Amino acid sequence: AGLARQLRLGIGDTITLISPDGLQTVAGTSPRVNGYPVVHIFKVGR
């Protein structure tokens, strides 16, 4: 829930994840960028 609040996200919105350890190419490693819909938001109290 804290991350959802920080990124202004709700159920059904799309969050984009960027990882530096992406695809291996002849030019080196390119970041992997994927978008995913938010289907569940939890708050555990930490």
ModelCIF file with pLDDT and N, C-alpha, C, O atoms, coordinates in Angstrom:
data_MODEL
#
_entry.id   MODEL 
#
_entity.id                         1 
_entity.type                       polymer 
_entity.pdbx_number_of_molecules   1 
#
_entity_poly.entity_id                      1 
_entity_poly.type                           'polypeptide(L)' 
_entity_poly.nstd_linkage                   no 
_entity_poly.nstd_monomer                   no 
_entity_poly.pdbx_seq_one_letter_code       AGLARQLRLGIGDTITLISPDGLQTVAGTSPRVNGYPVVHIFKVGR 
_entity_poly.pdbx_seq_one_letter_code_can   AGLARQLRLGIGDTITLISPDGLQTVAGTSPRVNGYPVVHIFKVGR 
_entity_poly.pdbx_strand_id                 A 
#
loop_
_entity_poly_seq.entity_id 
_entity_poly_seq.num 
_entity_poly_seq.mon_id 
_entity_poly_seq.hetero 
1 1  ALA n 
1 2  GLY n 
1 3  LEU n 
1 4  ALA n 
1 5  ARG n 
1 6  GLN n 
1 7  LEU n 
1 8  ARG n 
1 9  LEU n 
1 10 GLY n 
1 11 ILE n 
1 12 GLY n 
1 13 ASP n 
1 14 THR n 
1 15 ILE n 
1 16 THR n 
1 17 LEU n 
1 18 ILE n 
1 19 SER n 
1 20 PRO n 
1 21 ASP n 
1 22 GLY n 
1 23 LEU n 
1 24 GLN n 
1 25 THR n 
1 26 VAL n 
1 27 ALA n 
1 28 GLY n 
1 29 THR n 
1 30 SER n 
1 31 PRO n 
1 32 ARG n 
1 33 VAL n 
1 34 ASN n 
1 35 GLY n 
1 36 TYR n 
1 37 PRO n 
1 38 VAL n 
1 39 VAL n 
1 40 HIS n 
1 41 ILE n 
1 42 PHE n 
1 43 LYS n 
1 44 VAL n 
1 45 GLY n 
1 46 ARG n 
#
_struct_asym.id          A 
_struct_asym.entity_id   1 
#
loop_
_ma_qa_metric.id 
_ma_qa_metric.mode 
_ma_qa_metric.name 
_ma_qa_metric.software_group_id 
_ma_qa_metric.type 
1 global pLDDT . pLDDT 
2 local  pLDDT . pLDDT 
#
_ma_qa_metric_global.metric_id      1 
_ma_qa_metric_global.metric_value   84.67 
_ma_qa_metric_global.model_id       1 
_ma_qa_metric_global.ordinal_id     1 
#
loop_
_ma_qa_metric_local.label_asym_id 
_ma_qa_metric_local.label_comp_id 
_ma_qa_metric_local.label_seq_id 
_ma_qa_metric_local.metric_id 
_ma_qa_metric_local.metric_value 
_ma_qa_metric_local.model_id 
_ma_qa_metric_local.ordinal_id 
A ALA 1  2 91.00 1 1  
A GLY 2  2 91.00 1 2  
A LEU 3  2 93.00 1 3  
A ALA 4  2 93.00 1 4  
A ARG 5  2 92.00 1 5  
A GLN 6  2 92.00 1 6  
A LEU 7  2 93.00 1 7  
A ARG 8  2 93.00 1 8  
A LEU 9  2 93.00 1 9  
A GLY 10 2 92.00 1 10 
A ILE 11 2 94.00 1 11 
A GLY 12 2 92.00 1 12 
A ASP 13 2 93.00 1 13 
A THR 14 2 93.00 1 14 
A ILE 15 2 94.00 1 15 
A THR 16 2 93.00 1 16 
A LEU 17 2 93.00 1 17 
A ILE 18 2 91.00 1 18 
A SER 19 2 86.00 1 19 
A PRO 20 2 80.00 1 20 
A ASP 21 2 73.00 1 21 
A GLY 22 2 64.00 1 22 
A LEU 23 2 66.00 1 23 
A GLN 24 2 62.00 1 24 
A THR 25 2 60.00 1 25 
A VAL 26 2 55.00 1 26 
A ALA 27 2 57.00 1 27 
A GLY 28 2 59.00 1 28 
A THR 29 2 65.00 1 29 
A SER 30 2 71.00 1 30 
A PRO 31 2 80.00 1 31 
A ARG 32 2 85.00 1 32 
A VAL 33 2 89.00 1 33 
A ASN 34 2 90.00 1 34 
A GLY 35 2 92.00 1 35 
A TYR 36 2 93.00 1 36 
A PRO 37 2 95.00 1 37 
A VAL 38 2 94.00 1 38 
A VAL 39 2 94.00 1 39 
A HIS 40 2 94.00 1 40 
A ILE 41 2 94.00 1 41 
A PHE 42 2 92.00 1 42 
A LYS 43 2 90.00 1 43 
A VAL 44 2 87.00 1 44 
A GLY 45 2 80.00 1 45 
A ARG 46 2 82.00 1 46 
#
loop_
_atom_site.group_PDB 
_atom_site.id 
_atom_site.type_symbol 
_atom_site.label_atom_id 
_atom_site.label_alt_id 
_atom_site.label_comp_id 
_atom_site.label_asym_id 
_atom_site.label_entity_id 
_atom_site.label_seq_id 
_atom_site.pdbx_PDB_ins_code 
_atom_site.Cartn_x 
_atom_site.Cartn_y 
_atom_site.Cartn_z 
_atom_site.occupancy 
_atom_site.B_iso_or_equiv 
_atom_site.pdbx_formal_charge 
_atom_site.auth_seq_id 
_atom_site.auth_comp_id 
_atom_site.auth_asym_id 
_atom_site.auth_atom_id 
_atom_site.pdbx_PDB_model_num 
ATOM 1   N N  . ALA A 1 1  ? 0.819  -1.207  0.000   1.00 91.00 ? 1  ALA A N  1 
ATOM 2   C CA . ALA A 1 1  ? 0.000  0.000   0.000   1.00 91.00 ? 1  ALA A CA 1 
ATOM 3   C C  . ALA A 1 1  ? 0.855  1.260   0.000   1.00 91.00 ? 1  ALA A C  1 
ATOM 4   O O  . ALA A 1 1  ? 0.487  2.256   -0.623  1.00 91.00 ? 1  ALA A O  1 
ATOM 5   N N  . GLY A 1 2  ? 2.001  1.229   0.697   1.00 91.00 ? 2  GLY A N  1 
ATOM 6   C CA . GLY A 1 2  ? 2.877  2.394   0.709   1.00 91.00 ? 2  GLY A CA 1 
ATOM 7   C C  . GLY A 1 2  ? 3.427  2.702   -0.668  1.00 91.00 ? 2  GLY A C  1 
ATOM 8   O O  . GLY A 1 2  ? 3.494  3.865   -1.065  1.00 91.00 ? 2  GLY A O  1 
ATOM 9   N N  . LEU A 1 3  ? 3.819  1.675   -1.398  1.00 93.00 ? 3  LEU A N  1 
ATOM 10  C CA . LEU A 1 3  ? 4.330  1.874   -2.755  1.00 93.00 ? 3  LEU A CA 1 
ATOM 11  C C  . LEU A 1 3  ? 3.218  2.355   -3.675  1.00 93.00 ? 3  LEU A C  1 
ATOM 12  O O  . LEU A 1 3  ? 3.431  3.229   -4.516  1.00 93.00 ? 3  LEU A O  1 
ATOM 13  N N  . ALA A 1 4  ? 2.031  1.781   -3.510  1.00 93.00 ? 4  ALA A N  1 
ATOM 14  C CA . ALA A 1 4  ? 0.894  2.216   -4.330  1.00 93.00 ? 4  ALA A CA 1 
ATOM 15  C C  . ALA A 1 4  ? 0.579  3.686   -4.088  1.00 93.00 ? 4  ALA A C  1 
ATOM 16  O O  . ALA A 1 4  ? 0.282  4.421   -5.030  1.00 93.00 ? 4  ALA A O  1 
ATOM 17  N N  . ARG A 1 5  ? 0.642  4.116   -2.845  1.00 92.00 ? 5  ARG A N  1 
ATOM 18  C CA . ARG A 1 5  ? 0.378  5.519   -2.527  1.00 92.00 ? 5  ARG A CA 1 
ATOM 19  C C  . ARG A 1 5  ? 1.455  6.425   -3.117  1.00 92.00 ? 5  ARG A C  1 
ATOM 20  O O  . ARG A 1 5  ? 1.159  7.508   -3.622  1.00 92.00 ? 5  ARG A O  1 
ATOM 21  N N  . GLN A 1 6  ? 2.713  5.971   -3.048  1.00 92.00 ? 6  GLN A N  1 
ATOM 22  C CA . GLN A 1 6  ? 3.818  6.794   -3.546  1.00 92.00 ? 6  GLN A CA 1 
ATOM 23  C C  . GLN A 1 6  ? 3.751  6.959   -5.058  1.00 92.00 ? 6  GLN A C  1 
ATOM 24  O O  . GLN A 1 6  ? 4.084  8.021   -5.585  1.00 92.00 ? 6  GLN A O  1 
ATOM 25  N N  . LEU A 1 7  ? 3.318  5.907   -5.760  1.00 93.00 ? 7  LEU A N  1 
ATOM 26  C CA . LEU A 1 7  ? 3.262  5.945   -7.223  1.00 93.00 ? 7  LEU A CA 1 
ATOM 27  C C  . LEU A 1 7  ? 1.876  6.296   -7.739  1.00 93.00 ? 7  LEU A C  1 
ATOM 28  O O  . LEU A 1 7  ? 1.647  6.294   -8.948  1.00 93.00 ? 7  LEU A O  1 
ATOM 29  N N  . ARG A 1 8  ? 0.934  6.603   -6.821  1.00 93.00 ? 8  ARG A N  1 
ATOM 30  C CA . ARG A 1 8  ? -0.435 6.986   -7.185  1.00 93.00 ? 8  ARG A CA 1 
ATOM 31  C C  . ARG A 1 8  ? -1.109 5.879   -7.999  1.00 93.00 ? 8  ARG A C  1 
ATOM 32  O O  . ARG A 1 8  ? -1.685 6.136   -9.056  1.00 93.00 ? 8  ARG A O  1 
ATOM 33  N N  . LEU A 1 9  ? -1.030 4.655   -7.495  1.00 93.00 ? 9  LEU A N  1 
ATOM 34  C CA . LEU A 1 9  ? -1.562 3.503   -8.210  1.00 93.00 ? 9  LEU A CA 1 
ATOM 35  C C  . LEU A 1 9  ? -2.804 2.949   -7.534  1.00 93.00 ? 9  LEU A C  1 
ATOM 36  O O  . LEU A 1 9  ? -2.933 3.007   -6.311  1.00 93.00 ? 9  LEU A O  1 
ATOM 37  N N  . GLY A 1 10 ? -3.707 2.417   -8.324  1.00 92.00 ? 10 GLY A N  1 
ATOM 38  C CA . GLY A 1 10 ? -4.879 1.718   -7.838  1.00 92.00 ? 10 GLY A CA 1 
ATOM 39  C C  . GLY A 1 10 ? -5.041 0.412   -8.590  1.00 92.00 ? 10 GLY A C  1 
ATOM 40  O O  . GLY A 1 10 ? -4.262 0.102   -9.491  1.00 92.00 ? 10 GLY A O  1 
ATOM 41  N N  . ILE A 1 11 ? -6.055 -0.352  -8.217  1.00 94.00 ? 11 ILE A N  1 
ATOM 42  C CA . ILE A 1 11 ? -6.315 -1.620  -8.898  1.00 94.00 ? 11 ILE A CA 1 
ATOM 43  C C  . ILE A 1 11 ? -6.623 -1.358  -10.371 1.00 94.00 ? 11 ILE A C  1 
ATOM 44  O O  . ILE A 1 11 ? -7.446 -0.507  -10.707 1.00 94.00 ? 11 ILE A O  1 
ATOM 45  N N  . GLY A 1 12 ? -5.948 -2.106  -11.241 1.00 92.00 ? 12 GLY A N  1 
ATOM 46  C CA . GLY A 1 12 ? -6.136 -1.960  -12.678 1.00 92.00 ? 12 GLY A CA 1 
ATOM 47  C C  . GLY A 1 12 ? -5.131 -1.047  -13.344 1.00 92.00 ? 12 GLY A C  1 
ATOM 48  O O  . GLY A 1 12 ? -4.991 -1.080  -14.566 1.00 92.00 ? 12 GLY A O  1 
ATOM 49  N N  . ASP A 1 13 ? -4.419 -0.223  -12.568 1.00 93.00 ? 13 ASP A N  1 
ATOM 50  C CA . ASP A 1 13 ? -3.389 0.641   -13.147 1.00 93.00 ? 13 ASP A CA 1 
ATOM 51  C C  . ASP A 1 13 ? -2.157 -0.185  -13.508 1.00 93.00 ? 13 ASP A C  1 
ATOM 52  O O  . ASP A 1 13 ? -1.994 -1.315  -13.048 1.00 93.00 ? 13 ASP A O  1 
ATOM 53  N N  . THR A 1 14 ? -1.306 0.391   -14.328 1.00 93.00 ? 14 THR A N  1 
ATOM 54  C CA . THR A 1 14 ? -0.109 -0.314  -14.795 1.00 93.00 ? 14 THR A CA 1 
ATOM 55  C C  . THR A 1 14 ? 1.130  0.247   -14.112 1.00 93.00 ? 14 THR A C  1 
ATOM 56  O O  . THR A 1 14 ? 1.321  1.461   -14.044 1.00 93.00 ? 14 THR A O  1 
ATOM 57  N N  . ILE A 1 15 ? 1.963  -0.647  -13.612 1.00 94.00 ? 15 ILE A N  1 
ATOM 58  C CA . ILE A 1 15 ? 3.230  -0.272  -13.017 1.00 94.00 ? 15 ILE A CA 1 
ATOM 59  C C  . ILE A 1 15 ? 4.355  -0.768  -13.922 1.00 94.00 ? 15 ILE A C  1 
ATOM 60  O O  . ILE A 1 15 ? 4.325  -1.906  -14.388 1.00 94.00 ? 15 ILE A O  1 
ATOM 61  N N  . THR A 1 16 ? 5.332  0.077   -14.165 1.00 93.00 ? 16 THR A N  1 
ATOM 62  C CA . THR A 1 16 ? 6.462  -0.278  -15.026 1.00 93.00 ? 16 THR A CA 1 
ATOM 63  C C  . THR A 1 16 ? 7.666  -0.630  -14.169 1.00 93.00 ? 16 THR A C  1 
ATOM 64  O O  . THR A 1 16 ? 8.070  0.140   -13.299 1.00 93.00 ? 16 THR A O  1 
ATOM 65  N N  . LEU A 1 17 ? 8.239  -1.814  -14.428 1.00 93.00 ? 17 LEU A N  1 
ATOM 66  C CA . LEU A 1 17 ? 9.410  -2.290  -13.693 1.00 93.00 ? 17 LEU A CA 1 
ATOM 67  C C  . LEU A 1 17 ? 10.618 -2.250  -14.608 1.00 93.00 ? 17 LEU A C  1 
ATOM 68  O O  . LEU A 1 17 ? 10.568 -2.714  -15.747 1.00 93.00 ? 17 LEU A O  1 
ATOM 69  N N  . ILE A 1 18 ? 11.702 -1.689  -14.097 1.00 91.00 ? 18 ILE A N  1 
ATOM 70  C CA . ILE A 1 18 ? 12.927 -1.548  -14.879 1.00 91.00 ? 18 ILE A CA 1 
ATOM 71  C C  . ILE A 1 18 ? 14.051 -2.244  -14.131 1.00 91.00 ? 18 ILE A C  1 
ATOM 72  O O  . ILE A 1 18 ? 14.354 -1.903  -12.988 1.00 91.00 ? 18 ILE A O  1 
ATOM 73  N N  . SER A 1 19 ? 14.670 -3.228  -14.786 1.00 86.00 ? 19 SER A N  1 
ATOM 74  C CA . SER A 1 19 ? 15.781 -3.965  -14.182 1.00 86.00 ? 19 SER A CA 1 
ATOM 75  C C  . SER A 1 19 ? 17.044 -3.751  -15.011 1.00 86.00 ? 19 SER A C  1 
ATOM 76  O O  . SER A 1 19 ? 16.996 -3.859  -16.236 1.00 86.00 ? 19 SER A O  1 
ATOM 77  N N  . PRO A 1 20 ? 18.176 -3.450  -14.367 1.00 80.00 ? 20 PRO A N  1 
ATOM 78  C CA . PRO A 1 20 ? 19.423 -3.274  -15.134 1.00 80.00 ? 20 PRO A CA 1 
ATOM 79  C C  . PRO A 1 20 ? 19.937 -4.591  -15.699 1.00 80.00 ? 20 PRO A C  1 
ATOM 80  O O  . PRO A 1 20 ? 20.690 -4.602  -16.673 1.00 80.00 ? 20 PRO A O  1 
ATOM 81  N N  . ASP A 1 21 ? 19.531 -5.708  -15.085 1.00 73.00 ? 21 ASP A N  1 
ATOM 82  C CA . ASP A 1 21 ? 19.978 -7.021  -15.576 1.00 73.00 ? 21 ASP A CA 1 
ATOM 83  C C  . ASP A 1 21 ? 18.974 -7.526  -16.593 1.00 73.00 ? 21 ASP A C  1 
ATOM 84  O O  . ASP A 1 21 ? 18.130 -8.368  -16.286 1.00 73.00 ? 21 ASP A O  1 
ATOM 85  N N  . GLY A 1 22 ? 19.071 -7.002  -17.808 1.00 64.00 ? 22 GLY A N  1 
ATOM 86  C CA . GLY A 1 22 ? 18.090 -7.339  -18.826 1.00 64.00 ? 22 GLY A CA 1 
ATOM 87  C C  . GLY A 1 22 ? 18.643 -8.250  -19.903 1.00 64.00 ? 22 GLY A C  1 
ATOM 88  O O  . GLY A 1 22 ? 19.321 -9.237  -19.622 1.00 64.00 ? 22 GLY A O  1 
ATOM 89  N N  . LEU A 1 23 ? 18.339 -7.898  -21.135 1.00 66.00 ? 23 LEU A N  1 
ATOM 90  C CA . LEU A 1 23 ? 18.724 -8.726  -22.272 1.00 66.00 ? 23 LEU A CA 1 
ATOM 91  C C  . LEU A 1 23 ? 20.217 -8.588  -22.573 1.00 66.00 ? 23 LEU A C  1 
ATOM 92  O O  . LEU A 1 23 ? 20.790 -7.500  -22.508 1.00 66.00 ? 23 LEU A O  1 
ATOM 93  N N  . GLN A 1 24 ? 20.823 -9.724  -22.905 1.00 62.00 ? 24 GLN A N  1 
ATOM 94  C CA . GLN A 1 24 ? 22.227 -9.744  -23.306 1.00 62.00 ? 24 GLN A CA 1 
ATOM 95  C C  . GLN A 1 24 ? 22.304 -9.545  -24.821 1.00 62.00 ? 24 GLN A C  1 
ATOM 96  O O  . GLN A 1 24 ? 21.755 -10.351 -25.571 1.00 62.00 ? 24 GLN A O  1 
ATOM 97  N N  . THR A 1 25 ? 22.963 -8.505  -25.274 1.00 60.00 ? 25 THR A N  1 
ATOM 98  C CA . THR A 1 25 ? 23.120 -8.215  -26.700 1.00 60.00 ? 25 THR A CA 1 
ATOM 99  C C  . THR A 1 25 ? 24.604 -8.076  -27.031 1.00 60.00 ? 25 THR A C  1 
ATOM 100 O O  . THR A 1 25 ? 25.450 -8.080  -26.136 1.00 60.00 ? 25 THR A O  1 
ATOM 101 N N  . VAL A 1 26 ? 24.907 -7.955  -28.302 1.00 55.00 ? 26 VAL A N  1 
ATOM 102 C CA . VAL A 1 26 ? 26.296 -7.788  -28.716 1.00 55.00 ? 26 VAL A CA 1 
ATOM 103 C C  . VAL A 1 26 ? 26.868 -6.474  -28.196 1.00 55.00 ? 26 VAL A C  1 
ATOM 104 O O  . VAL A 1 26 ? 28.083 -6.323  -28.063 1.00 55.00 ? 26 VAL A O  1 
ATOM 105 N N  . ALA A 1 27 ? 25.988 -5.534  -27.907 1.00 57.00 ? 27 ALA A N  1 
ATOM 106 C CA . ALA A 1 27 ? 26.437 -4.233  -27.402 1.00 57.00 ? 27 ALA A CA 1 
ATOM 107 C C  . ALA A 1 27 ? 26.512 -4.205  -25.881 1.00 57.00 ? 27 ALA A C  1 
ATOM 108 O O  . ALA A 1 27 ? 26.876 -3.186  -25.293 1.00 57.00 ? 27 ALA A O  1 
ATOM 109 N N  . GLY A 1 28 ? 26.165 -5.335  -25.236 1.00 59.00 ? 28 GLY A N  1 
ATOM 110 C CA . GLY A 1 28 ? 26.177 -5.379  -23.778 1.00 59.00 ? 28 GLY A CA 1 
ATOM 111 C C  . GLY A 1 28 ? 24.804 -5.725  -23.230 1.00 59.00 ? 28 GLY A C  1 
ATOM 112 O O  . GLY A 1 28 ? 23.956 -6.272  -23.935 1.00 59.00 ? 28 GLY A O  1 
ATOM 113 N N  . THR A 1 29 ? 24.605 -5.405  -21.994 1.00 65.00 ? 29 THR A N  1 
ATOM 114 C CA . THR A 1 29 ? 23.337 -5.703  -21.334 1.00 65.00 ? 29 THR A CA 1 
ATOM 115 C C  . THR A 1 29 ? 22.424 -4.488  -21.397 1.00 65.00 ? 29 THR A C  1 
ATOM 116 O O  . THR A 1 29 ? 22.783 -3.396  -20.956 1.00 65.00 ? 29 THR A O  1 
ATOM 117 N N  . SER A 1 30 ? 21.246 -4.699  -21.948 1.00 71.00 ? 30 SER A N  1 
ATOM 118 C CA . SER A 1 30 ? 20.270 -3.611  -22.009 1.00 71.00 ? 30 SER A CA 1 
ATOM 119 C C  . SER A 1 30 ? 19.240 -3.803  -20.902 1.00 71.00 ? 30 SER A C  1 
ATOM 120 O O  . SER A 1 30 ? 18.849 -4.935  -20.619 1.00 71.00 ? 30 SER A O  1 
ATOM 121 N N  . PRO A 1 31 ? 18.798 -2.731  -20.278 1.00 80.00 ? 31 PRO A N  1 
ATOM 122 C CA . PRO A 1 31 ? 17.816 -2.851  -19.202 1.00 80.00 ? 31 PRO A CA 1 
ATOM 123 C C  . PRO A 1 31 ? 16.528 -3.507  -19.699 1.00 80.00 ? 31 PRO A C  1 
ATOM 124 O O  . PRO A 1 31 ? 16.120 -3.323  -20.846 1.00 80.00 ? 31 PRO A O  1 
ATOM 125 N N  . ARG A 1 32 ? 15.904 -4.271  -18.815 1.00 85.00 ? 32 ARG A N  1 
ATOM 126 C CA . ARG A 1 32 ? 14.629 -4.887  -19.155 1.00 85.00 ? 32 ARG A CA 1 
ATOM 127 C C  . ARG A 1 32 ? 13.508 -4.009  -18.585 1.00 85.00 ? 32 ARG A C  1 
ATOM 128 O O  . ARG A 1 32 ? 13.524 -3.661  -17.404 1.00 85.00 ? 32 ARG A O  1 
ATOM 129 N N  . VAL A 1 33 ? 12.563 -3.666  -19.411 1.00 89.00 ? 33 VAL A N  1 
ATOM 130 C CA . VAL A 1 33 ? 11.445 -2.809  -19.014 1.00 89.00 ? 33 VAL A CA 1 
ATOM 131 C C  . VAL A 1 33 ? 10.152 -3.524  -19.342 1.00 89.00 ? 33 VAL A C  1 
ATOM 132 O O  . VAL A 1 33 ? 9.880  -3.827  -20.504 1.00 89.00 ? 33 VAL A O  1 
ATOM 133 N N  . ASN A 1 34 ? 9.344  -3.799  -18.306 1.00 90.00 ? 34 ASN A N  1 
ATOM 134 C CA . ASN A 1 34 ? 8.056  -4.453  -18.496 1.00 90.00 ? 34 ASN A CA 1 
ATOM 135 C C  . ASN A 1 34 ? 6.978  -3.715  -17.710 1.00 90.00 ? 34 ASN A C  1 
ATOM 136 O O  . ASN A 1 34 ? 7.239  -3.177  -16.634 1.00 90.00 ? 34 ASN A O  1 
ATOM 137 N N  . GLY A 1 35 ? 5.795  -3.696  -18.245 1.00 92.00 ? 35 GLY A N  1 
ATOM 138 C CA . GLY A 1 35 ? 4.646  -3.123  -17.544 1.00 92.00 ? 35 GLY A CA 1 
ATOM 139 C C  . GLY A 1 35 ? 3.691  -4.213  -17.112 1.00 92.00 ? 35 GLY A C  1 
ATOM 140 O O  . GLY A 1 35 ? 3.448  -5.167  -17.851 1.00 92.00 ? 35 GLY A O  1 
ATOM 141 N N  . TYR A 1 36 ? 3.143  -4.070  -15.897 1.00 93.00 ? 36 TYR A N  1 
ATOM 142 C CA . TYR A 1 36 ? 2.228  -5.077  -15.351 1.00 93.00 ? 36 TYR A CA 1 
ATOM 143 C C  . TYR A 1 36 ? 1.022  -4.390  -14.720 1.00 93.00 ? 36 TYR A C  1 
ATOM 144 O O  . TYR A 1 36 ? 1.167  -3.347  -14.083 1.00 93.00 ? 36 TYR A O  1 
ATOM 145 N N  . PRO A 1 37 ? -0.151 -4.957  -14.887 1.00 95.00 ? 37 PRO A N  1 
ATOM 146 C CA . PRO A 1 37 ? -1.325 -4.394  -14.204 1.00 95.00 ? 37 PRO A CA 1 
ATOM 147 C C  . PRO A 1 37 ? -1.300 -4.728  -12.713 1.00 95.00 ? 37 PRO A C  1 
ATOM 148 O O  . PRO A 1 37 ? -0.872 -5.814  -12.321 1.00 95.00 ? 37 PRO A O  1 
ATOM 149 N N  . VAL A 1 38 ? -1.756 -3.800  -11.895 1.00 94.00 ? 38 VAL A N  1 
ATOM 150 C CA . VAL A 1 38 ? -1.845 -4.027  -10.452 1.00 94.00 ? 38 VAL A CA 1 
ATOM 151 C C  . VAL A 1 38 ? -3.165 -4.737  -10.156 1.00 94.00 ? 38 VAL A C  1 
ATOM 152 O O  . VAL A 1 38 ? -4.239 -4.197  -10.422 1.00 94.00 ? 38 VAL A O  1 
ATOM 153 N N  . VAL A 1 39 ? -3.079 -5.951  -9.605  1.00 94.00 ? 39 VAL A N  1 
ATOM 154 C CA . VAL A 1 39 ? -4.286 -6.728  -9.330  1.00 94.00 ? 39 VAL A CA 1 
ATOM 155 C C  . VAL A 1 39 ? -4.556 -6.879  -7.835  1.00 94.00 ? 39 VAL A C  1 
ATOM 156 O O  . VAL A 1 39 ? -5.635 -7.318  -7.437  1.00 94.00 ? 39 VAL A O  1 
ATOM 157 N N  . HIS A 1 40 ? -3.579 -6.515  -7.012  1.00 94.00 ? 40 HIS A N  1 
ATOM 158 C CA . HIS A 1 40 ? -3.746 -6.704  -5.563  1.00 94.00 ? 40 HIS A CA 1 
ATOM 159 C C  . HIS A 1 40 ? -2.847 -5.712  -4.833  1.00 94.00 ? 40 HIS A C  1 
ATOM 160 O O  . HIS A 1 40 ? -1.679 -5.544  -5.185  1.00 94.00 ? 40 HIS A O  1 
ATOM 161 N N  . ILE A 1 41 ? -3.404 -5.054  -3.809  1.00 94.00 ? 41 ILE A N  1 
ATOM 162 C CA . ILE A 1 41 ? -2.641 -4.118  -2.973  1.00 94.00 ? 41 ILE A CA 1 
ATOM 163 C C  . ILE A 1 41 ? -2.827 -4.554  -1.524  1.00 94.00 ? 41 ILE A C  1 
ATOM 164 O O  . ILE A 1 41 ? -3.954 -4.729  -1.062  1.00 94.00 ? 41 ILE A O  1 
ATOM 165 N N  . PHE A 1 42 ? -1.721 -4.728  -0.810  1.00 92.00 ? 42 PHE A N  1 
ATOM 166 C CA . PHE A 1 42 ? -1.789 -5.207  0.567   1.00 92.00 ? 42 PHE A CA 1 
ATOM 167 C C  . PHE A 1 42 ? -1.169 -4.177  1.520   1.00 92.00 ? 42 PHE A C  1 
ATOM 168 O O  . PHE A 1 42 ? -0.312 -3.379  1.141   1.00 92.00 ? 42 PHE A O  1 
ATOM 169 N N  . LYS A 1 43 ? -1.634 -4.230  2.760   1.00 90.00 ? 43 LYS A N  1 
ATOM 170 C CA . LYS A 1 43 ? -1.059 -3.417  3.836   1.00 90.00 ? 43 LYS A CA 1 
ATOM 171 C C  . LYS A 1 43 ? -0.901 -4.323  5.050   1.00 90.00 ? 43 LYS A C  1 
ATOM 172 O O  . LYS A 1 43 ? -1.889 -4.785  5.620   1.00 90.00 ? 43 LYS A O  1 
ATOM 173 N N  . VAL A 1 44 ? 0.350  -4.575  5.445   1.00 87.00 ? 44 VAL A N  1 
ATOM 174 C CA . VAL A 1 44 ? 0.615  -5.476  6.570   1.00 87.00 ? 44 VAL A CA 1 
ATOM 175 C C  . VAL A 1 44 ? 0.990  -4.723  7.843   1.00 87.00 ? 44 VAL A C  1 
ATOM 176 O O  . VAL A 1 44 ? 1.040  -5.317  8.920   1.00 87.00 ? 44 VAL A O  1 
ATOM 177 N N  . GLY A 1 45 ? 1.256  -3.415  7.731   1.00 80.00 ? 45 GLY A N  1 
ATOM 178 C CA . GLY A 1 45 ? 1.569  -2.630  8.923   1.00 80.00 ? 45 GLY A CA 1 
ATOM 179 C C  . GLY A 1 45 ? 3.036  -2.356  9.148   1.00 80.00 ? 45 GLY A C  1 
ATOM 180 O O  . GLY A 1 45 ? 3.401  -1.743  10.151  1.00 80.00 ? 45 GLY A O  1 
ATOM 181 N N  . ARG A 1 46 ? 3.895  -2.800  8.230   1.00 82.00 ? 46 ARG A N  1 
ATOM 182 C CA . ARG A 1 46 ? 5.328  -2.491  8.295   1.00 82.00 ? 46 ARG A CA 1 
ATOM 183 C C  . ARG A 1 46 ? 5.652  -1.558  7.142   1.00 82.00 ? 46 ARG A C  1 
ATOM 184 O O  . ARG A 1 46 ? 6.803  -1.152  6.981   1.00 82.00 ? 46 ARG A O  1 
#
